[in-house]
PDB file of N, CA and C in Angstrom:
ATOM      1  N   MET A   1       0.357  -0.934  -0.381  1.00  0.00           N
ATOM      2  CA  MET A   1       0.231  -0.085  -0.020  1.00  0.00           C
ATOM      3  C   MET A   1       0.974   1.109   0.351  1.00  0.00           C
ATOM      4  N   CYS A   2       2.185   1.429   0.853  1.00  0.00           N
ATOM      5  CA  CYS A   2       3.059   2.533   0.759  1.00  0.00           C
ATOM      6  C   CYS A   2       3.235   2.229  -0.629  1.00  0.00           C
ATOM      7  N   LEU A   3       3.986   1.521  -1.126  1.00  0.00           N
ATOM      8  CA  LEU A   3       4.668   2.002  -2.837  1.00  0.00           C
ATOM      9  C   LEU A   3       3.658   2.585  -3.582  1.00  0.00           C
ATOM     10  N   GLY A   4       1.880   2.024  -3.441  1.00  0.00           N
ATOM     11  CA  GLY A   4       1.283   2.191  -4.462  1.00  0.00           C
ATOM     12  C   GLY A   4       0.687   3.988  -3.930  1.00  0.00           C
ATOM     13  N   VAL A   5       0.871   4.238  -2.724  1.00  0.00           N
ATOM     14  CA  VAL A   5       1.043   5.538  -2.468  1.00  0.00           C
ATOM     15  C   VAL A   5       1.986   6.624  -3.075  1.00  0.00           C
ATOM     16  N   VAL A   6       2.804   6.081  -3.015  1.00  0.00           N
ATOM     17  CA  VAL A   6       4.416   6.542  -3.626  1.00  0.00           C
ATOM     18  C   VAL A   6       4.689   6.635  -4.811  1.00  0.00           C
ATOM     19  N   VAL A   7       4.220   5.611  -5.572  1.00  0.00           N
ATOM     20  CA  VAL A   7       4.394   6.098  -7.305  1.00  0.00           C
ATOM     21  C   VAL A   7       2.857   6.587  -8.153  1.00  0.00           C
ATOM     22  N   LEU A   8       1.732   6.847  -6.876  1.00  0.00           N
ATOM     23  CA  LEU A   8       0.860   7.841  -7.435  1.00  0.00           C
ATOM     24  C   LEU A   8       0.764   9.028  -7.051  1.00  0.00           C
ATOM     25  N   ALA A   9       1.742   9.170  -5.936  1.00  0.00           N
ATOM     26  CA  ALA A   9       1.768  10.562  -5.293  1.00  0.00           C
ATOM     27  C   ALA A   9       2.601  11.827  -6.501  1.00  0.00           C
ATOM     28  N   GLY A  10       3.722  11.017  -7.186  1.00  0.00           N
ATOM     29  CA  GLY A  10       4.366  11.883  -8.045  1.00  0.00           C
ATOM     30  C   GLY A  10       2.845  12.418  -9.169  1.00  0.00           C
ATOM     31  N   PRO A  11       2.545  11.844  -9.758  1.00  0.00           N
ATOM     32  CA  PRO A  11       1.051  12.353 -10.786  1.00  0.00           C
ATOM     33  C   PRO A  11       0.502  12.868  -9.874  1.00  0.00           C
ATOM     34  N   VAL A  12      -0.300  12.799  -9.088  1.00  0.00           N
ATOM     35  CA  VAL A  12      -1.363  13.682  -8.472  1.00  0.00           C
ATOM     36  C   VAL A  12      -0.579  14.647  -8.152  1.00  0.00           C
ATOM     37  N   LEU A  13       0.419  15.442  -7.418  1.00  0.00           N
ATOM     38  CA  LEU A  13       0.994  16.679  -7.470  1.00  0.00           C
ATOM     39  C   LEU A  13       1.680  16.923  -8.608  1.00  0.00           C
ATOM     40  N   GLY A  14       1.803  16.422  -9.585  1.00  0.00           N
ATOM     41  CA  GLY A  14       2.124  16.760 -10.826  1.00  0.00           C
ATOM     42  C   GLY A  14       0.886  17.428 -11.655  1.00  0.00           C
ATOM     43  N   TYR A  15      -0.357  16.740 -11.292  1.00  0.00           N
ATOM     44  CA  TYR A  15      -1.778  16.888 -11.665  1.00  0.00           C
ATOM     45  C   TYR A  15      -2.466  18.211 -11.047  1.00  0.00           C
ATOM     46  N   VAL A  16      -2.216  18.407  -9.860  1.00  0.00           N
ATOM     47  CA  VAL A  16      -2.473  19.729  -9.254  1.00  0.00           C
ATOM     48  C   VAL A  16      -1.689  20.665  -9.329  1.00  0.00           C
ATOM     49  N   GLY A  17      -0.583  20.730  -9.466  1.00  0.00           N
ATOM     50  CA  GLY A  17       0.102  21.815 -10.156  1.00  0.00           C
ATOM     51  C   GLY A  17      -0.293  22.309 -11.282  1.00  0.00           C
ATOM     52  N   GLU A  18      -0.369  21.527 -12.317  1.00  0.00           N
ATOM     53  CA  GLU A  18      -0.668  21.853 -13.535  1.00  0.00           C
ATOM     54  C   GLU A  18      -2.023  22.348 -13.618  1.00  0.00           C
ATOM     55  N   ARG A  19      -2.946  22.254 -12.632  1.00  0.00           N
ATOM     56  CA  ARG A  19      -4.170  22.392 -12.910  1.00  0.00           C
ATOM     57  C   ARG A  19      -4.311  24.119 -12.308  1.00  0.00           C
ATOM     58  N   ARG A  20      -3.630  24.481 -10.927  1.00  0.00           N
ATOM     59  CA  ARG A  20      -3.014  25.390 -10.776  1.00  0.00           C
ATOM     60  C   ARG A  20      -2.305  26.538 -12.055  1.00  0.00           C
ATOM     61  N   ASN A  21      -1.459  26.054 -12.487  1.00  0.00           N
ATOM     62  CA  ASN A  21      -0.723  26.871 -13.760  1.00  0.00           C
ATOM     63  C   ASN A  21      -1.819  27.094 -15.230  1.00  0.00           C
ATOM     64  N   VAL A  22      -2.768  26.164 -14.755  1.00  0.00           N
ATOM     65  CA  VAL A  22      -4.028  26.665 -16.221  1.00  0.00           C
ATOM     66  C   VAL A  22      -4.421  27.771 -15.910  1.00  0.00           C
ATOM     67  N   SER A  23      -5.559  27.602 -14.136  1.00  0.00           N
ATOM     68  CA  SER A  23      -6.148  28.505 -13.979  1.00  0.00           C
ATOM     69  C   SER A  23      -5.127  29.842 -13.794  1.00  0.00           C
ATOM     70  N   VAL A  24      -3.685  30.053 -13.579  1.00  0.00           N
ATOM     71  CA  VAL A  24      -3.357  31.434 -13.814  1.00  0.00           C
ATOM     72  C   VAL A  24      -3.300  31.725 -15.297  1.00  0.00           C
ATOM     73  N   GLN A  25      -2.947  30.885 -15.898  1.00  0.00           N
ATOM     74  CA  GLN A  25      -2.587  31.150 -17.357  1.00  0.00           C
ATOM     75  C   GLN A  25      -4.209  31.518 -18.284  1.00  0.00           C
ATOM     76  N   ARG A  26      -5.772  31.008 -17.203  1.00  0.00           N
ATOM     77  CA  ARG A  26      -6.266  31.230 -17.719  1.00  0.00           C
ATOM     78  C   ARG A  26      -6.943  33.260 -17.634  1.00  0.00           C
ATOM     79  N   ASP A  27      -6.631  33.037 -16.205  1.00  0.00           N
ATOM     80  CA  ASP A  27      -6.768  34.658 -15.598  1.00  0.00           C
ATOM     81  C   ASP A  27      -5.651  35.759 -16.585  1.00  0.00           C
ATOM     82  N   GLU A  28      -4.271  34.992 -16.731  1.00  0.00           N
ATOM     83  CA  GLU A  28      -3.502  36.033 -17.716  1.00  0.00           C
ATOM     84  C   GLU A  28      -4.385  36.453 -19.120  1.00  0.00           C
ATOM     85  N   LEU A  29      -4.848  35.307 -19.748  1.00  0.00           N
ATOM     86  CA  LEU A  29      -5.299  35.546 -21.043  1.00  0.00           C
ATOM     87  C   LEU A  29      -6.485  36.446 -20.774  1.00  0.00           C
ATOM     88  N   ALA A  30      -7.160  36.194 -19.812  1.00  0.00           N
ATOM     89  CA  ALA A  30      -8.518  37.062 -19.670  1.00  0.00           C
ATOM     90  C   ALA A  30      -7.893  38.559 -19.936  1.00  0.00           C
ATOM     91  N   ARG A  31      -7.146  38.729 -18.888  1.00  0.00           N
ATOM     92  CA  ARG A  31      -6.565  40.400 -18.513  1.00  0.00           C
ATOM     93  C   ARG A  31      -5.994  40.174 -20.360  1.00  0.00           C
ATOM     94  N   ILE A  32      -5.380  39.954 -20.765  1.00  0.00           N
ATOM     95  CA  ILE A  32      -5.137  40.202 -22.443  1.00  0.00           C
ATOM     96  C   ILE A  32      -6.042  40.105 -23.209  1.00  0.00           C
ATOM     97  N   GLU A  33      -7.123  39.361 -22.984  1.00  0.00           N
ATOM     98  CA  GLU A  33      -8.255  40.107 -23.974  1.00  0.00           C
ATOM     99  C   GLU A  33      -8.799  41.215 -23.828  1.00  0.00           C
ATOM    100  N   LEU A  34      -9.127  41.315 -22.263  1.00  0.00           N
ATOM    101  CA  LEU A  34      -9.640  42.918 -22.244  1.00  0.00           C
ATOM    102  C   LEU A  34      -8.771  44.152 -22.493  1.00  0.00           C
ATOM    103  N   GLU A  35      -7.647  43.880 -22.682  1.00  0.00           N
ATOM    104  CA  GLU A  35      -6.373  44.671 -22.843  1.00  0.00           C
ATOM    105  C   GLU A  35      -6.528  44.946 -24.575  1.00  0.00           C
ATOM    106  N   ASN A  36      -6.780  43.977 -25.123  1.00  0.00           N
ATOM    107  CA  ASN A  36      -6.681  43.841 -26.629  1.00  0.00           C
ATOM    108  C   ASN A  36      -8.288  44.493 -27.056  1.00  0.00           C
ATOM    109  N   ARG A  37      -9.454  43.978 -26.192  1.00  0.00           N
ATOM    110  CA  ARG A  37     -10.548  44.831 -26.411  1.00  0.00           C
ATOM    111  C   ARG A  37     -10.755  46.206 -26.356  1.00  0.00           C
ATOM    112  N   GLU A  38      -9.856  47.150 -25.363  1.00  0.00           N
ATOM    113  CA  GLU A  38      -9.311  48.152 -25.250  1.00  0.00           C
ATOM    114  C   GLU A  38      -8.633  49.179 -26.141  1.00  0.00           C
ATOM    115  N   LEU A  39      -7.609  48.229 -26.319  1.00  0.00           N
ATOM    116  CA  LEU A  39      -6.524  48.918 -28.010  1.00  0.00           C
ATOM    117  C   LEU A  39      -7.287  48.824 -29.317  1.00  0.00           C
ATOM    118  N   GLN A  40      -8.422  47.810 -29.191  1.00  0.00           N
ATOM    119  CA  GLN A  40      -9.059  48.155 -30.673  1.00  0.00           C
ATOM    120  C   GLN A  40      -9.727  49.117 -30.527  1.00  0.00           C
ATOM    121  N   ALA A  41     -10.608  48.937 -29.520  1.00  0.00           N
ATOM    122  CA  ALA A  41     -11.912  50.315 -29.701  1.00  0.00           C
ATOM    123  C   ALA A  41     -10.642  51.787 -29.414  1.00  0.00           C
ATOM    124  N   ARG A  42      -9.426  51.644 -29.196  1.00  0.00           N
ATOM    125  CA  ARG A  42      -8.747  53.084 -29.452  1.00  0.00           C
ATOM    126  C   ARG A  42      -8.358  53.096 -30.876  1.00  0.00           C
ATOM    127  N   LEU A  43      -8.399  52.136 -31.429  1.00  0.00           N
ATOM    128  CA  LEU A  43      -7.796  51.825 -32.793  1.00  0.00           C
ATOM    129  C   LEU A  43      -8.630  52.125 -33.312  1.00  0.00           C
ATOM    130  N   ASP A  44     -10.418  51.889 -33.057  1.00  0.00           N
ATOM    131  CA  ASP A  44     -11.029  52.526 -34.236  1.00  0.00           C
ATOM    132  C   ASP A  44     -11.777  53.765 -34.131  1.00  0.00           C
ATOM    133  N   GLN A  45     -11.371  54.540 -32.869  1.00  0.00           N
ATOM    134  CA  GLN A  45     -11.408  56.016 -32.955  1.00  0.00           C
ATOM    135  C   GLN A  45     -10.606  56.332 -33.967  1.00  0.00           C
ATOM    136  N   PHE A  46      -9.368  56.184 -34.520  1.00  0.00           N
ATOM    137  CA  PHE A  46      -9.020  56.718 -35.995  1.00  0.00           C
ATOM    138  C   PHE A  46      -9.352  56.447 -37.083  1.00  0.00           C
ATOM    139  N   ASP A  47     -10.118  55.239 -36.791  1.00  0.00           N
ATOM    140  CA  ASP A  47     -11.278  55.164 -38.378  1.00  0.00           C
ATOM    141  C   ASP A  47     -12.307  56.603 -38.669  1.00  0.00           C
ATOM    142  N   ASP A  48     -12.092  57.552 -37.815  1.00  0.00           N
ATOM    143  CA  ASP A  48     -13.199  58.583 -37.916  1.00  0.00           C
ATOM    144  C   ASP A  48     -12.032  59.772 -38.089  1.00  0.00           C
ATOM    145  N   PRO A  49     -13.020  60.275 -39.061  1.00  0.00           N
ATOM    146  CA  PRO A  49     -11.609  61.233 -40.098  1.00  0.00           C
ATOM    147  C   PRO A  49     -11.696  62.625 -39.450  1.00  0.00           C
ATOM    148  N   ALA A  50     -12.811  62.963 -38.710  1.00  0.00           N
ATOM    149  CA  ALA A  50     -12.859  63.963 -37.944  1.00  0.00           C
ATOM    150  C   ALA A  50     -12.166  63.558 -36.646  1.00  0.00           C
ATOM    151  N   GLN A  51     -11.853  62.353 -36.071  1.00  0.00           N
ATOM    152  CA  GLN A  51     -11.083  62.445 -35.180  1.00  0.00           C
ATOM    153  C   GLN A  51      -9.883  62.632 -35.468  1.00  0.00           C
ATOM    154  N   THR A  52      -9.450  62.033 -36.305  1.00  0.00           N
ATOM    155  CA  THR A  52      -7.693  62.099 -36.948  1.00  0.00           C
ATOM    156  C   THR A  52      -7.526  63.590 -37.006  1.00  0.00           C
ATOM    157  N   GLU A  53      -8.466  64.493 -37.485  1.00  0.00           N
ATOM    158  CA  GLU A  53      -8.148  66.042 -37.612  1.00  0.00           C
ATOM    159  C   GLU A  53      -8.207  66.338 -36.085  1.00  0.00           C
ATOM    160  N   ARG A  54      -8.857  66.270 -35.278  1.00  0.00           N
ATOM    161  CA  ARG A  54      -8.706  66.722 -33.815  1.00  0.00           C
ATOM    162  C   ARG A  54      -7.585  66.370 -33.415  1.00  0.00           C
ATOM    163  N   ILE A  55      -6.783  65.420 -33.697  1.00  0.00           N
ATOM    164  CA  ILE A  55      -5.640  64.875 -32.755  1.00  0.00           C
ATOM    165  C   ILE A  55      -4.676  65.273 -33.642  1.00  0.00           C
ATOM    166  N   ALA A  56      -4.832  65.844 -34.811  1.00  0.00           N
ATOM    167  CA  ALA A  56      -3.861  66.545 -34.982  1.00  0.00           C
ATOM    168  C   ALA A  56      -3.604  68.022 -35.016  1.00  0.00           C
ATOM    169  N   ARG A  57      -4.717  68.526 -34.779  1.00  0.00           N
ATOM    170  CA  ARG A  57      -4.755  70.011 -34.571  1.00  0.00           C
ATOM    171  C   ARG A  57      -4.355  70.110 -33.096  1.00  0.00           C
ATOM    172  N   ASP A  58      -5.017  69.241 -32.451  1.00  0.00           N
ATOM    173  CA  ASP A  58      -5.130  69.589 -30.814  1.00  0.00           C
ATOM    174  C   ASP A  58      -3.574  69.151 -30.276  1.00  0.00           C
ATOM    175  N   GLU A  59      -2.727  67.905 -30.763  1.00  0.00           N
ATOM    176  CA  GLU A  59      -1.656  67.619 -29.858  1.00  0.00           C
ATOM    177  C   GLU A  59      -0.593  68.081 -30.873  1.00  0.00           C
ATOM    178  N   TYR A  60      -0.436  68.457 -32.181  1.00  0.00           N
ATOM    179  CA  TYR A  60       0.236  68.616 -33.224  1.00  0.00           C
ATOM    180  C   TYR A  60       0.501  70.045 -33.850  1.00  0.00           C
ATOM    181  N   GLY A  61      -0.538  70.471 -33.723  1.00  0.00           N
ATOM    182  CA  GLY A  61      -0.356  71.787 -34.201  1.00  0.00           C
ATOM    183  C   GLY A  61      -0.443  71.943 -35.502  1.00  0.00           C
ATOM    184  N   LEU A  62      -0.700  70.835 -36.523  1.00  0.00           N
ATOM    185  CA  LEU A  62      -1.164  71.209 -37.633  1.00  0.00           C
ATOM    186  C   LEU A  62      -2.675  71.706 -37.999  1.00  0.00           C
ATOM    187  N   VAL A  63      -2.194  72.330 -39.431  1.00  0.00           N
ATOM    188  CA  VAL A  63      -3.430  73.262 -39.777  1.00  0.00           C
ATOM    189  C   VAL A  63      -3.482  72.543 -41.157  1.00  0.00           C
ATOM    190  N   SER A  64      -4.900  72.845 -41.757  1.00  0.00           N
ATOM    191  CA  SER A  64      -5.280  72.407 -42.660  1.00  0.00           C
ATOM    192  C   SER A  64      -4.717  73.437 -44.186  1.00  0.00           C
ATOM    193  N   PRO A  65      -4.366  72.731 -45.584  1.00  0.00           N
ATOM    194  CA  PRO A  65      -3.813  74.096 -46.380  1.00  0.00           C
ATOM    195  C   PRO A  65      -4.761  75.104 -46.244  1.00  0.00           C
ATOM    196  N   GLY A  66      -3.860  76.572 -46.487  1.00  0.00           N
ATOM    197  CA  GLY A  66      -4.448  77.263 -46.850  1.00  0.00           C
ATOM    198  C   GLY A  66      -5.205  78.319 -45.251  1.00  0.00           C
ATOM    199  N   GLU A  67      -4.838  77.647 -44.001  1.00  0.00           N
ATOM    200  CA  GLU A  67      -4.496  78.015 -42.539  1.00  0.00           C
ATOM    201  C   GLU A  67      -3.866  78.690 -42.529  1.00  0.00           C
ATOM    202  N   GLU A  68      -3.968  79.351 -41.013  1.00  0.00           N
ATOM    203  CA  GLU A  68      -2.655  79.747 -40.653  1.00  0.00           C
ATOM    204  C   GLU A  68      -2.416  79.412 -39.153  1.00  0.00           C
ATOM    205  N   SER A  69      -1.598  79.406 -38.515  1.00  0.00           N
ATOM    206  CA  SER A  69      -1.597  78.721 -37.207  1.00  0.00           C
ATOM    207  C   SER A  69      -0.807  80.128 -36.462  1.00  0.00           C
ATOM    208  N   TYR A  70      -1.577  80.453 -34.997  1.00  0.00           N
ATOM    209  CA  TYR A  70      -1.294  81.403 -34.655  1.00  0.00           C
ATOM    210  C   TYR A  70      -0.693  80.995 -33.105  1.00  0.00           C
ATOM    211  N   ALA A  71       0.040  81.300 -32.389  1.00  0.00           N
ATOM    212  CA  ALA A  71       0.420  80.877 -30.625  1.00  0.00           C
ATOM    213  C   ALA A  71       0.054  81.490 -30.108  1.00  0.00           C
ATOM    214  N   VAL A  72      -0.477  81.907 -28.972  1.00  0.00           N
ATOM    215  CA  VAL A  72      -0.361  82.990 -27.872  1.00  0.00           C
ATOM    216  C   VAL A  72       0.497  82.581 -26.626  1.00  0.00           C
ATOM    217  N   LEU A  73       1.474  83.167 -26.508  1.00  0.00           N
ATOM    218  CA  LEU A  73       2.476  83.023 -25.739  1.00  0.00           C
ATOM    219  C   LEU A  73       2.413  83.594 -24.292  1.00  0.00           C
ATOM    220  N   PRO A  74       2.766  83.393 -23.067  1.00  0.00           N
ATOM    221  CA  PRO A  74       2.163  83.679 -22.046  1.00  0.00           C
ATOM    222  C   PRO A  74       3.174  84.622 -21.559  1.00  0.00           C
ATOM    223  N   ARG A  75       2.691  85.597 -20.725  1.00  0.00           N
ATOM    224  CA  ARG A  75       3.006  86.791 -20.166  1.00  0.00           C
ATOM    225  C   ARG A  75       4.472  86.506 -19.904  1.00  0.00           C
ATOM    226  N   PRO A  76       4.959  87.952 -19.922  1.00  0.00           N
ATOM    227  CA  PRO A  76       6.688  87.461 -19.510  1.00  0.00           C
ATOM    228  C   PRO A  76       6.732  87.544 -17.787  1.00  0.00           C
ATOM    229  N   THR A  77       7.752  86.813 -17.812  1.00  0.00           N
ATOM    230  CA  THR A  77       7.559  86.819 -16.036  1.00  0.00           C
ATOM    231  C   THR A  77       8.093  88.825 -15.375  1.00  0.00           C
ATOM    232  N   ALA A  78       8.388  88.681 -14.057  1.00  0.00           N
ATOM    233  CA  ALA A  78       8.809  89.935 -13.175  1.00  0.00           C
ATOM    234  C   ALA A  78      10.183  89.465 -13.730  1.00  0.00           C
ATOM    235  N   GLY A  79      11.078  88.742 -13.609  1.00  0.00           N
ATOM    236  CA  GLY A  79      12.037  88.594 -13.732  1.00  0.00           C
ATOM    237  C   GLY A  79      12.814  87.602 -13.081  1.00  0.00           C
ATOM    238  N   VAL A  80      13.818  87.664 -13.302  1.00  0.00           N
ATOM    239  CA  VAL A  80      14.761  86.090 -12.544  1.00  0.00           C
ATOM    240  C   VAL A  80      15.371  86.981 -11.058  1.00  0.00           C
ATOM    241  N   ASP A  81      15.163  85.924 -10.262  1.00  0.00           N
ATOM    242  CA  ASP A  81      15.477  85.665  -8.836  1.00  0.00           C
ATOM    243  C   ASP A  81      16.447  85.408  -8.484  1.00  0.00           C
ATOM    244  N   LEU A  82      17.862  85.644  -8.365  1.00  0.00           N
ATOM    245  CA  LEU A  82      19.159  84.643  -8.001  1.00  0.00           C
ATOM    246  C   LEU A  82      19.416  85.136  -7.446  1.00  0.00           C
ATOM    247  N   PRO A  83      20.453  83.468  -6.575  1.00  0.00           N
ATOM    248  CA  PRO A  83      20.871  84.022  -5.081  1.00  0.00           C
ATOM    249  C   PRO A  83      21.746  84.945  -5.357  1.00  0.00           C
ATOM    250  N   ARG A  84      22.626  85.619  -3.933  1.00  0.00           N
ATOM    251  CA  ARG A  84      23.147  86.384  -3.594  1.00  0.00           C
ATOM    252  C   ARG A  84      24.500  85.806  -3.082  1.00  0.00           C
ATOM    253  N   ALA A  85      25.291  84.826  -4.193  1.00  0.00           N
ATOM    254  CA  ALA A  85      26.650  84.227  -4.107  1.00  0.00           C
ATOM    255  C   ALA A  85      26.645  83.949  -5.305  1.00  0.00           C
ATOM    256  N   TRP A  86      28.236  83.328  -5.193  1.00  0.00           N
ATOM    257  CA  TRP A  86      29.333  83.226  -6.985  1.00  0.00           C
ATOM    258  C   TRP A  86      28.661  82.051  -7.410  1.00  0.00           C
ATOM    259  N   PRO A  87      28.183  82.114  -8.704  1.00  0.00           N
ATOM    260  CA  PRO A  87      28.431  82.961  -9.990  1.00  0.00           C
ATOM    261  C   PRO A  87      27.625  84.200 -10.273  1.00  0.00           C
ATOM    262  N   PHE A  88      26.028  83.180  -9.477  1.00  0.00           N
ATOM    263  CA  PHE A  88      25.571  84.324  -9.847  1.00  0.00           C
ATOM    264  C   PHE A  88      25.174  86.101  -9.721  1.00  0.00           C
ATOM    265  N   GLU A  89      26.560  86.483  -8.533  1.00  0.00           N
ATOM    266  CA  GLU A  89      26.385  88.164  -8.497  1.00  0.00           C
ATOM    267  C   GLU A  89      26.830  88.418 -10.290  1.00  0.00           C
ATOM    268  N   VAL A  90      27.816  87.958 -10.475  1.00  0.00           N
ATOM    269  CA  VAL A  90      28.201  88.046 -12.275  1.00  0.00           C
ATOM    270  C   VAL A  90      27.150  87.606 -12.587  1.00  0.00           C
ATOM    271  N   LEU A  91      26.536  87.334 -13.077  1.00  0.00           N
ATOM    272  CA  LEU A  91      25.389  87.348 -14.032  1.00  0.00           C
ATOM    273  C   LEU A  91      24.452  88.108 -13.959  1.00  0.00           C
ATOM    274  N   ALA A  92      24.013  88.669 -12.305  1.00  0.00           N
ATOM    275  CA  ALA A  92      22.796  89.368 -12.536  1.00  0.00           C
ATOM    276  C   ALA A  92      23.510  91.079 -13.095  1.00  0.00           C
ATOM    277  N   GLY A  93      24.199  90.833 -13.065  1.00  0.00           N
ATOM    278  CA  GLY A  93      24.804  92.498 -13.562  1.00  0.00           C
ATOM    279  C   GLY A  93      24.927  92.262 -15.338  1.00  0.00           C
ATOM    280  N   SER A  94      25.265  90.917 -15.635  1.00  0.00           N
ATOM    281  CA  SER A  94      24.479  91.069 -17.192  1.00  0.00           C
ATOM    282  C   SER A  94      23.067  90.877 -17.558  1.00  0.00           C
ATOM    283  N   ILE A  95      22.700  90.193 -16.870  1.00  0.00           N
ATOM    284  CA  ILE A  95      20.911  89.914 -17.237  1.00  0.00           C
ATOM    285  C   ILE A  95      20.317  91.278 -17.042  1.00  0.00           C
ATOM    286  N   ALA A  96      20.719  92.104 -15.886  1.00  0.00           N
ATOM    287  CA  ALA A  96      20.115  94.012 -15.649  1.00  0.00           C
ATOM    288  C   ALA A  96      20.561  94.403 -16.853  1.00  0.00           C
ATOM    289  N   ALA A  97      21.731  94.226 -17.653  1.00  0.00           N
ATOM    290  CA  ALA A  97      21.929  95.168 -18.912  1.00  0.00           C
ATOM    291  C   ALA A  97      21.417  94.874 -19.771  1.00  0.00           C
ATOM    292  N   ALA A  98      21.325  93.439 -19.998  1.00  0.00           N
ATOM    293  CA  ALA A  98      20.302  92.726 -21.163  1.00  0.00           C
ATOM    294  C   ALA A  98      19.043  93.466 -20.911  1.00  0.00           C
ATOM    295  N   SER A  99      18.459  93.146 -19.723  1.00  0.00           N
ATOM    296  CA  SER A  99      16.870  93.199 -19.867  1.00  0.00           C
ATOM    297  C   SER A  99      16.637  95.256 -19.898  1.00  0.00           C
ATOM    298  N   ALA A 100      17.736  95.926 -19.702  1.00  0.00           N
ATOM    299  CA  ALA A 100      17.082  97.334 -19.689  1.00  0.00           C
ATOM    300  C   ALA A 100      17.996  97.613 -21.539  1.00  0.00           C
ATOM    301  N   SER A 101      18.497  97.249 -21.852  1.00  0.00           N
ATOM    302  CA  SER A 101      18.403  97.266 -23.299  1.00  0.00           C
ATOM    303  C   SER A 101      17.312  96.976 -24.273  1.00  0.00           C
ATOM    304  N   PRO A 102      16.625  97.749 -25.355  1.00  0.00           N
ATOM    305  CA  PRO A 102      15.634  97.634 -25.902  1.00  0.00           C
ATOM    306  C   PRO A 102      16.125  96.945 -26.999  1.00  0.00           C
TER     307      PRO A 102
END
């Protein structure tokens, strides 16, 4: 009887381990299939020319032929506040002279 238990223990443990492995692989497959569906939905958005044009305009600043593009720059800051230590004290004079010149 002990010999039978020893002989059957290896295959039974192997079977249980493989079932656990199959379960992990099924979970991974479900996750990958969900990710594929999400990516396919995102890819389907690019079939719409209006969506492609919106992305080209908003994210890349592209315009249609004959249109002009303008960029509004932010207001200039009050200035640069440099520490009072070397080498910044040398730079402060140069920056002040450059900002005073037209």
